[in-house]
Protein backbone atom coordinates (compact mmCIF):
# COMPACT_ATOMS: atom_id res chain seq x y z
CA UNK A 1 7.58 -15.63 -2.44
CA UNK A 2 5.97 -13.60 0.67
CA UNK A 3 2.41 -15.34 2.13
CA UNK A 4 -0.74 -14.06 0.19
CA UNK A 5 -4.26 -14.09 2.26
CA UNK A 6 -7.76 -13.87 0.54
CA UNK A 7 -10.70 -13.16 1.52
CA UNK A 8 -13.75 -12.90 0.04
CA UNK A 9 -17.04 -11.55 0.72
CA UNK A 10 -20.05 -13.13 -0.83
CA UNK A 11 -23.12 -11.03 -2.04
CA UNK A 12 -26.15 -11.79 -4.10
CA UNK A 13 -24.91 -10.60 -7.30
CA UNK A 14 -21.04 -8.97 -6.61
CA UNK A 15 -18.86 -10.54 -4.43
CA UNK A 16 -16.18 -8.71 -3.26
CA UNK A 17 -12.08 -10.22 -3.07
CA UNK A 18 -9.15 -8.79 -1.23
CA UNK A 19 -5.87 -10.32 -1.34
CA UNK A 20 -2.81 -8.73 1.27
CA UNK A 21 0.44 -9.74 2.26
CA UNK A 22 2.12 -11.32 5.12
CA UNK A 23 2.24 -7.92 7.11
CA UNK A 24 -2.11 -6.40 6.47
CA UNK A 25 -1.02 -4.74 3.26
CA UNK A 26 -3.97 -4.62 0.38
CA UNK A 27 -2.16 -6.50 -2.43
CA UNK A 28 -4.98 -6.30 -5.27
CA UNK A 29 -8.99 -5.88 -4.93
CA UNK A 30 -11.63 -7.29 -6.87
CA UNK A 31 -15.27 -7.36 -7.58
CA UNK A 32 -16.45 -10.14 -9.70
CA UNK A 33 -19.99 -11.16 -10.43
CA UNK A 34 -22.19 -14.49 -9.26
CA UNK A 35 -21.96 -16.22 -12.93
CA UNK A 36 -20.19 -18.50 -14.82
CA UNK A 37 -17.93 -16.40 -16.26
CA UNK A 38 -17.43 -13.97 -13.04
CA UNK A 39 -16.16 -17.02 -10.84
CA UNK A 40 -14.09 -18.41 -13.72
CA UNK A 41 -12.40 -14.98 -13.84
CA UNK A 42 -12.19 -15.27 -9.33
CA UNK A 43 -10.36 -18.57 -9.94
CA UNK A 44 -7.77 -17.44 -12.59
CA UNK A 45 -7.26 -14.22 -10.46
CA UNK A 46 -6.82 -15.44 -6.99
CA UNK A 47 -3.86 -18.29 -8.75
CA UNK A 48 -2.47 -15.07 -10.64
CA UNK A 49 -2.16 -13.82 -6.83
CA UNK A 50 -0.52 -16.87 -5.85
CA UNK A 51 -2.97 -17.13 -3.06
CA UNK A 52 -3.64 -20.89 -1.61
CA UNK A 53 -6.68 -19.98 1.03
CA UNK A 54 -9.48 -17.80 1.01
CA UNK A 55 -11.45 -17.31 3.87
CA UNK A 56 -15.78 -16.36 3.73
CA UNK A 57 -18.23 -16.19 5.51
CA UNK A 58 -19.98 -19.41 4.18
CA UNK A 59 -19.46 -22.66 4.22
CA UNK A 60 -21.73 -24.23 1.34
CA UNK A 61 -23.00 -22.80 -1.83
CA UNK A 62 -21.73 -22.05 -5.18
CA UNK A 63 -18.91 -20.22 -4.94
CA UNK A 64 -17.79 -22.24 -2.03
CA UNK A 65 -18.27 -25.16 -4.54
CA UNK A 66 -16.65 -23.52 -7.23
CA UNK A 67 -12.91 -22.70 -5.39
CA UNK A 68 -12.78 -26.26 -4.00
CA UNK A 69 -13.41 -28.09 -7.06
CA UNK A 70 -10.27 -25.48 -8.18
CA UNK A 71 -7.72 -26.59 -5.76
CA UNK A 72 -8.36 -23.92 -3.12
CA UNK A 73 -8.13 -23.82 0.48
CA UNK A 74 -11.47 -22.32 1.85
CA UNK A 75 -11.58 -21.41 5.47
CA UNK A 76 -15.01 -19.97 6.93
CA UNK A 77 -15.32 -17.56 9.49
CA UNK A 78 -18.97 -17.34 11.61
CA UNK A 79 -20.51 -14.11 10.73
CA UNK A 80 -20.39 -13.57 14.01
CA UNK A 81 -16.78 -13.68 14.34
CA UNK A 82 -16.72 -11.23 11.69
CA UNK A 83 -19.36 -9.19 13.53
CA UNK A 84 -17.41 -8.88 16.73
CA UNK A 85 -14.09 -8.44 15.08
CA UNK A 86 -15.78 -5.34 12.93
CA UNK A 87 -14.78 -2.27 16.16
CA UNK A 88 -11.05 -3.78 15.87
CA UNK A 89 -10.66 -2.54 12.76
CA UNK A 90 -12.78 1.01 12.63
CA UNK A 91 -14.39 2.03 15.36
CA UNK A 92 -17.20 4.14 14.04
CA UNK A 93 -19.36 1.07 13.09
CA UNK A 94 -19.80 1.08 9.41
CA UNK A 95 -19.91 -1.93 7.26
CA UNK A 96 -18.50 -2.26 3.64
CA UNK A 97 -17.90 -5.20 1.08
CA UNK A 98 -14.89 -3.93 0.49
CA UNK A 99 -13.83 -3.71 4.14
CA UNK A 100 -15.33 -7.00 5.07
CA UNK A 101 -12.99 -8.33 2.07
CA UNK A 102 -10.02 -6.89 4.09
CA UNK A 103 -11.11 -8.28 7.45
CA UNK A 104 -11.46 -11.76 6.51
CA UNK A 105 -8.53 -11.71 4.72
CA UNK A 106 -6.96 -10.24 7.96
CA UNK A 107 -8.23 -12.59 10.22
CA UNK A 108 -7.05 -15.46 8.03
CA UNK A 109 -3.22 -13.80 8.27
CA UNK A 110 -3.51 -13.48 12.28
CA UNK A 111 -5.54 -15.47 13.11
CA UNK A 112 -5.51 -18.48 10.57
CA UNK A 113 -4.66 -21.44 13.17
CA UNK A 114 -7.86 -21.12 15.01
CA UNK A 115 -10.44 -22.02 11.85
CA UNK A 116 -10.64 -25.42 10.37
CA UNK A 117 -10.36 -25.34 6.58
CA UNK A 118 -13.55 -27.18 5.00
CA UNK A 119 -13.26 -30.68 4.14
CA UNK A 120 -14.31 -31.62 0.55
CA UNK A 121 -17.35 -34.13 1.03
CA UNK A 122 -18.53 -37.03 -1.39
CA UNK A 123 -20.36 -36.62 -4.24
CA UNK A 124 -23.55 -39.07 -2.55
CA UNK A 125 -23.58 -36.73 0.45
CA UNK A 126 -23.54 -33.54 -1.75
CA UNK A 127 -26.45 -35.00 -3.44
CA UNK A 128 -28.22 -35.61 -0.62
CA UNK A 129 -28.08 -32.38 1.68
CA UNK A 130 -29.26 -30.71 -1.33
CA UNK A 131 -32.46 -33.25 -1.56
CA UNK A 132 -32.71 -32.72 2.16
CA UNK A 133 -32.00 -28.80 2.42
CA UNK A 134 -34.37 -28.27 -0.71
CA UNK A 135 -37.10 -30.65 0.65
CA UNK A 136 -37.23 -28.61 4.11
CA UNK A 137 -37.58 -25.75 2.10
CA UNK A 138 -40.60 -27.18 0.24
CA UNK A 139 -42.44 -28.43 3.70
CA UNK A 140 -42.31 -24.72 4.94
CA UNK A 141 -43.84 -23.28 1.62
CA UNK A 142 -46.38 -26.25 2.69
CA UNK A 143 -46.95 -25.23 5.86
CA UNK A 144 -47.24 -21.50 4.93
CA UNK A 145 -50.01 -21.83 2.24
CA UNK A 146 -52.08 -24.30 4.82
CA UNK A 147 -51.62 -21.64 6.72
CA UNK A 148 -53.10 -19.56 4.77
CA UNK A 149 -55.61 -21.61 3.44
CA UNK A 150 -56.57 -21.91 6.69
CA UNK A 151 -57.07 -18.66 7.64
CA UNK A 152 -59.16 -17.78 4.59
CA UNK A 153 -61.48 -20.88 4.90
CA UNK A 154 -61.91 -19.78 8.61
CA UNK A 155 -62.63 -16.30 7.26
CA UNK A 156 -65.89 -17.62 5.10
CA UNK A 157 -66.18 -21.13 5.14
CA UNK A 158 -64.82 -22.77 8.93
CA UNK A 159 -66.62 -25.99 8.50
CA UNK A 160 -64.49 -26.84 5.84
CA UNK A 161 -60.88 -26.41 7.62
CA UNK A 162 -62.53 -28.86 10.36
CA UNK A 163 -63.65 -31.75 8.60
CA UNK A 164 -60.33 -33.43 8.09
CA UNK A 165 -57.55 -33.02 10.83
CA UNK A 166 -55.20 -32.13 8.45
CA UNK A 167 -55.88 -29.37 6.30
CA UNK A 168 -53.02 -29.68 3.83
CA UNK A 169 -53.94 -33.80 3.63
CA UNK A 170 -55.25 -34.80 0.22
CA UNK A 171 -58.39 -35.55 1.21
CA UNK A 172 -58.65 -32.31 2.98
CA UNK A 173 -57.92 -30.36 -0.49
CA UNK A 174 -59.94 -32.48 -2.33
CA UNK A 175 -63.01 -31.79 -0.33
CA UNK A 176 -62.22 -27.89 -0.43
CA UNK A 177 -61.91 -28.51 -4.52
CA UNK A 178 -65.54 -29.84 -4.43
CA UNK A 179 -66.90 -27.81 -1.62
CA UNK A 180 -64.97 -24.59 -1.95
CA UNK A 181 -68.14 -22.72 -0.40
CA UNK A 182 -70.77 -22.91 1.79
CA UNK A 183 -73.72 -22.60 -1.03
CA UNK A 184 -71.89 -25.75 -2.34
CA UNK A 185 -72.16 -27.97 0.65
CA UNK A 186 -75.98 -27.13 0.97
CA UNK A 187 -77.40 -30.39 -0.37
CA UNK A 188 -74.58 -32.63 1.17
CA UNK A 189 -75.99 -35.57 3.00
CA UNK A 190 -74.45 -38.45 4.93
CA UNK A 191 -74.78 -40.40 1.65
CA UNK A 192 -72.66 -37.78 -0.61
CA UNK A 193 -70.01 -38.13 2.42
CA UNK A 194 -69.45 -41.52 2.14
CA UNK A 195 -69.46 -41.49 -1.70
CA UNK A 196 -66.85 -38.71 -1.32
CA UNK A 197 -64.91 -40.77 1.32
CA UNK A 198 -65.30 -44.25 -0.94
CA UNK A 199 -64.16 -42.16 -3.94
CA UNK A 200 -61.14 -40.60 -1.95
CA UNK A 201 -59.98 -43.65 -0.33
CA UNK A 202 -60.42 -42.01 3.28
CA UNK A 203 -58.78 -43.91 5.99
CA UNK A 204 -59.84 -42.41 8.50
CA UNK A 205 -61.52 -43.76 11.34
CA UNK A 206 -64.49 -41.50 11.32
CA UNK A 207 -67.89 -42.13 9.89
CA UNK A 208 -69.57 -39.78 7.40
CA UNK A 209 -72.54 -38.82 9.93
CA UNK A 210 -69.31 -37.79 12.61
CA UNK A 211 -67.44 -35.92 9.42
CA UNK A 212 -70.89 -34.03 8.46
CA UNK A 213 -71.37 -33.25 12.07
CA UNK A 214 -67.65 -31.69 12.06
CA UNK A 215 -68.63 -29.50 9.22
CA UNK A 216 -71.90 -28.36 10.80
CA UNK A 217 -70.98 -27.61 14.09
CA UNK A 218 -68.43 -25.36 13.23
CA UNK A 219 -69.06 -21.58 13.14
CA UNK A 220 -70.70 -19.88 10.74
CA UNK A 221 -68.54 -17.43 8.56
CA UNK A 222 -71.14 -14.75 8.01
CA UNK A 223 -70.06 -13.79 4.28
CA UNK A 224 -72.36 -12.28 1.67
CA UNK A 225 -72.40 -14.87 -0.99
CA UNK A 226 -70.40 -12.35 -3.48
CA UNK A 227 -67.65 -12.40 -0.81
CA UNK A 228 -67.69 -16.36 -0.43
CA UNK A 229 -67.70 -16.70 -3.87
CA UNK A 230 -64.27 -14.49 -4.36
CA UNK A 231 -63.09 -16.24 -1.12
CA UNK A 232 -64.42 -19.34 -2.63
CA UNK A 233 -61.94 -19.13 -5.65
CA UNK A 234 -59.05 -17.69 -3.62
CA UNK A 235 -59.27 -21.43 -1.86
CA UNK A 236 -59.86 -23.30 -4.82
CA UNK A 237 -56.62 -21.47 -6.13
CA UNK A 238 -54.19 -22.20 -2.92
CA UNK A 239 -55.50 -25.84 -3.17
CA UNK A 240 -54.05 -26.37 -6.45
CA UNK A 241 -51.17 -25.05 -5.48
CA UNK A 242 -50.64 -27.50 -2.31
CA UNK A 243 -51.92 -30.50 -4.41
CA UNK A 244 -48.95 -30.69 -7.12
CA UNK A 245 -46.84 -29.54 -4.15
CA UNK A 246 -47.66 -32.39 -2.12
CA UNK A 247 -47.18 -34.50 -4.65
CA UNK A 248 -43.56 -33.59 -5.49
CA UNK A 249 -42.88 -33.55 -1.52
CA UNK A 250 -43.79 -37.15 -1.80
CA UNK A 251 -41.17 -37.59 -4.58
CA UNK A 252 -38.80 -35.80 -2.95
CA UNK A 253 -39.09 -37.60 0.19
CA UNK A 254 -38.76 -41.23 -1.63
CA UNK A 255 -35.47 -40.62 -3.78
CA UNK A 256 -34.15 -39.17 -0.06
CA UNK A 257 -34.97 -42.41 1.71
CA UNK A 258 -33.67 -44.38 -1.19
CA UNK A 259 -30.36 -42.65 -1.25
CA UNK A 260 -30.43 -42.52 2.62
CA UNK A 261 -31.02 -46.88 2.60
CA UNK A 262 -28.16 -46.90 -0.15
CA UNK A 263 -25.48 -45.15 2.00
CA UNK A 264 -23.82 -46.91 4.84
CA UNK A 265 -23.58 -44.11 6.97
CA UNK A 266 -27.44 -43.74 6.36
CA UNK A 267 -27.43 -47.06 7.39
CA UNK A 268 -25.53 -46.24 10.67
CA UNK A 269 -27.68 -43.37 11.47
CA UNK A 270 -31.21 -45.08 10.87
CA UNK A 271 -30.41 -48.11 13.08
CA UNK A 272 -31.22 -45.51 16.46
CA UNK A 273 -34.65 -45.92 17.66
CA UNK A 274 -37.47 -44.20 15.96
CA UNK A 275 -34.54 -42.29 13.22
CA UNK A 276 -36.71 -43.39 10.70
CA UNK A 277 -35.31 -42.76 6.55
CA UNK A 278 -36.16 -38.77 6.24
CA UNK A 279 -35.00 -38.05 9.75
CA UNK A 280 -31.81 -40.13 8.80
CA UNK A 281 -30.89 -38.37 5.72
CA UNK A 282 -31.42 -35.14 7.39
CA UNK A 283 -29.00 -36.06 10.38
CA UNK A 284 -26.15 -37.32 7.89
CA UNK A 285 -26.49 -34.56 4.93
CA UNK A 286 -25.00 -32.33 8.06
CA UNK A 287 -22.96 -34.48 10.16
CA UNK A 288 -21.55 -35.61 6.09
CA UNK A 289 -18.95 -38.64 6.06
CA UNK A 290 -15.92 -36.87 6.92
CA UNK A 291 -14.77 -38.19 10.20
CA UNK A 292 -11.83 -35.40 10.29
CA UNK A 293 -14.15 -32.46 9.92
CA UNK A 294 -14.53 -32.07 13.46
CA UNK A 295 -11.82 -32.90 16.60
CA UNK A 296 -13.52 -33.99 18.94
CA UNK A 297 -17.62 -34.65 20.15
CA UNK A 298 -16.93 -31.62 21.97
CA UNK A 299 -16.46 -29.99 18.90
CA UNK A 300 -19.48 -31.78 17.23
CA UNK A 301 -21.99 -30.98 20.42
CA UNK A 302 -21.42 -26.82 19.89
CA UNK A 303 -22.10 -27.25 16.03
CA UNK A 304 -25.16 -29.38 16.83
CA UNK A 305 -26.76 -26.35 19.48
CA UNK A 306 -27.27 -29.28 21.71
CA UNK A 307 -24.87 -27.61 24.37
CA UNK A 308 -25.29 -24.46 26.40
CA UNK A 309 -22.72 -21.53 26.18
CA UNK A 310 -21.66 -20.61 29.34
CA UNK A 311 -20.38 -16.43 29.58
CA UNK A 312 -18.27 -16.82 33.32
CA UNK A 313 -16.68 -13.51 34.63
CA UNK A 314 -15.22 -13.25 38.23
CA UNK A 315 -17.89 -14.46 40.31
CA UNK A 316 -20.39 -13.91 37.48
CA UNK A 317 -21.33 -17.44 35.74
CA UNK A 318 -24.34 -17.34 33.41
CA UNK A 319 -25.55 -20.49 30.95
CA UNK A 320 -27.40 -19.65 28.15
CA UNK A 321 -29.00 -20.87 24.73
CA UNK A 322 -27.03 -21.61 22.26
CA UNK A 323 -27.53 -19.64 18.78
CA UNK A 324 -24.95 -19.94 17.34
CA UNK A 325 -24.96 -23.66 15.30
CA UNK A 326 -25.93 -25.66 13.01
CA UNK A 327 -29.68 -25.30 13.01
CA UNK A 328 -30.66 -27.89 10.50
CA UNK A 329 -28.47 -29.93 12.28
CA UNK A 330 -29.92 -29.31 15.83
CA UNK A 331 -33.66 -29.61 14.61
CA UNK A 332 -32.65 -33.33 12.91
CA UNK A 333 -31.17 -34.06 15.92
CA UNK A 334 -34.04 -33.26 18.49
CA UNK A 335 -36.73 -34.66 16.31
CA UNK A 336 -34.60 -38.22 16.65
CA UNK A 337 -34.38 -37.70 20.74
CA UNK A 338 -38.13 -37.09 20.53
CA UNK A 339 -39.04 -39.84 18.50
CA UNK A 340 -37.12 -42.01 20.63
CA UNK A 341 -38.43 -41.74 23.90
CA UNK A 342 -41.63 -43.34 22.48
CA UNK A 343 -39.84 -46.40 21.74
CA UNK A 344 -36.53 -46.26 23.84
CA UNK A 345 -37.17 -46.78 27.60
CA UNK A 346 -33.55 -45.39 28.78
CA UNK A 347 -34.60 -42.43 26.35
CA UNK A 348 -37.83 -41.94 27.81
CA UNK A 349 -35.84 -42.33 31.27
CA UNK A 350 -33.19 -39.30 30.48
CA UNK A 351 -35.88 -36.79 28.99
CA UNK A 352 -38.27 -37.85 32.13
CA UNK A 353 -35.62 -36.61 34.11
CA UNK A 354 -34.47 -33.96 32.71
CA UNK A 355 -38.66 -33.12 33.35
CA UNK A 356 -38.50 -33.58 36.80
CA UNK A 357 -35.58 -31.17 37.46
CA UNK A 358 -38.02 -28.12 36.25
CA UNK A 359 -36.46 -28.51 32.98
CA UNK A 360 -39.00 -27.46 30.15
CA UNK A 361 -40.00 -29.99 26.96
CA UNK A 362 -37.99 -28.40 24.64
CA UNK A 363 -34.67 -27.65 27.05
CA UNK A 364 -35.09 -31.84 28.26
CA UNK A 365 -35.29 -32.70 24.17
CA UNK A 366 -32.28 -31.04 23.90
CA UNK A 367 -30.52 -32.83 27.09
CA UNK A 368 -31.82 -36.20 25.89
CA UNK A 369 -30.22 -35.05 22.16
CA UNK A 370 -26.81 -34.95 23.21
CA UNK A 371 -26.96 -37.89 24.96
CA UNK A 372 -27.89 -39.59 22.28
CA UNK A 373 -25.55 -37.62 19.67
CA UNK A 374 -22.43 -39.01 21.88
CA UNK A 375 -23.41 -42.70 20.88
CA UNK A 376 -24.04 -41.51 17.64
CA UNK A 377 -20.52 -39.76 17.57
CA UNK A 378 -19.36 -43.35 18.85
CA UNK A 379 -21.51 -45.34 16.14
CA UNK A 380 -19.88 -42.82 13.74
CA UNK A 381 -16.56 -43.14 14.48
CA UNK A 382 -16.14 -46.84 14.86
CA UNK A 383 -18.24 -47.16 10.95
CA UNK A 384 -20.91 -49.71 13.40
CA UNK A 385 -24.65 -49.37 13.69
CA UNK A 386 -26.05 -48.63 16.87
CA UNK A 387 -25.58 -51.96 19.04
CA UNK A 388 -27.95 -51.46 22.41
CA UNK A 389 -25.51 -53.95 23.89
CA UNK A 390 -22.91 -51.64 23.29
CA UNK A 391 -24.75 -48.92 24.92
CA UNK A 392 -23.26 -48.73 28.53
CA UNK A 393 -25.94 -46.33 29.80
CA UNK A 394 -29.01 -48.32 28.58
CA UNK A 395 -27.39 -51.58 29.90
CA UNK A 396 -27.05 -49.61 33.14
CA UNK A 397 -30.49 -48.12 33.14
CA UNK A 398 -31.97 -51.55 32.78
CA UNK A 399 -29.97 -53.81 34.71
CA UNK A 400 -30.53 -51.55 37.87
CA UNK A 401 -34.61 -51.50 36.95
CA UNK A 402 -34.65 -47.53 36.18
């Protein structure tokens, strides 16, 4: 029987699917809904079409998981590749779901050898990835709400945003909840501030008098009484959204820490200087446990976005920032790199040399992250924790005195 290829254009509600034969001729098309019945129908239909492999733009998600569990080979094709290939099929630059489904199927037919099929991760890694990505999204929400609260306070009660360093810390939120307007803090003195700090177990190094000074030295909002009351009510609403969010983040972080500590690969990542548990979990959740996923270190460096992109033509050569990568993995690796330079002398020297060459801070951190990734790759492949005695570059730095 002639081999067939399928392409699936993912959408939030309805997915377009196209099956073609070995000559690129459309055999059949289907549109399925993004629900249990629709995905079950998709799997039945693909089996009836005698399809083994499906091309899709997404490397993860419910559709991908469903196809993998059903035994299909899933080949992710980056959206940038799809975008760059569209002129090959149509000159007008238009886009349609059916057209992209056909394009994906035909790319699988003609260039399938260039793309790597997804390998199924173990349940432990998939669960960790779900928790880590969910936590990252909640942290982004917390930052957004904290910024909104700070901006609101600056408009009528600036002092409340200046008393404690972090406006979304539990004690800062408790202070705003107790004193949501300037009028509510009119009689606040050193004794009451001391009582408040004691009640909320304040562990900072500022005395009640210093905290009061911060409160009173801040600029006056100048809002009328009714306006201040209205904005105070809004501040209370934001506080009461942030407080349970912080608690849930704490519980989720604890679960993530326990999960990464119980993983053999997690302990490997945690063995690196200042990796921590949450950062190690972020790296492991994106790196995974399937070693065959990356053909070599160079492929992993590109996936992690720690290497630039070179564009060369004739006498022209330009090195530019790599935009297409796993942004979550890059953020986690650069976090580890930035933290490590405060403990590891080799990391600090690598960063300092990059800065001395004129690199900006972010660029220097990526250079250090790439250097660490080489060590992580070796430890990951050997399934062994980080050992400074096996780290040749660090040993050489110590031996030569920097």
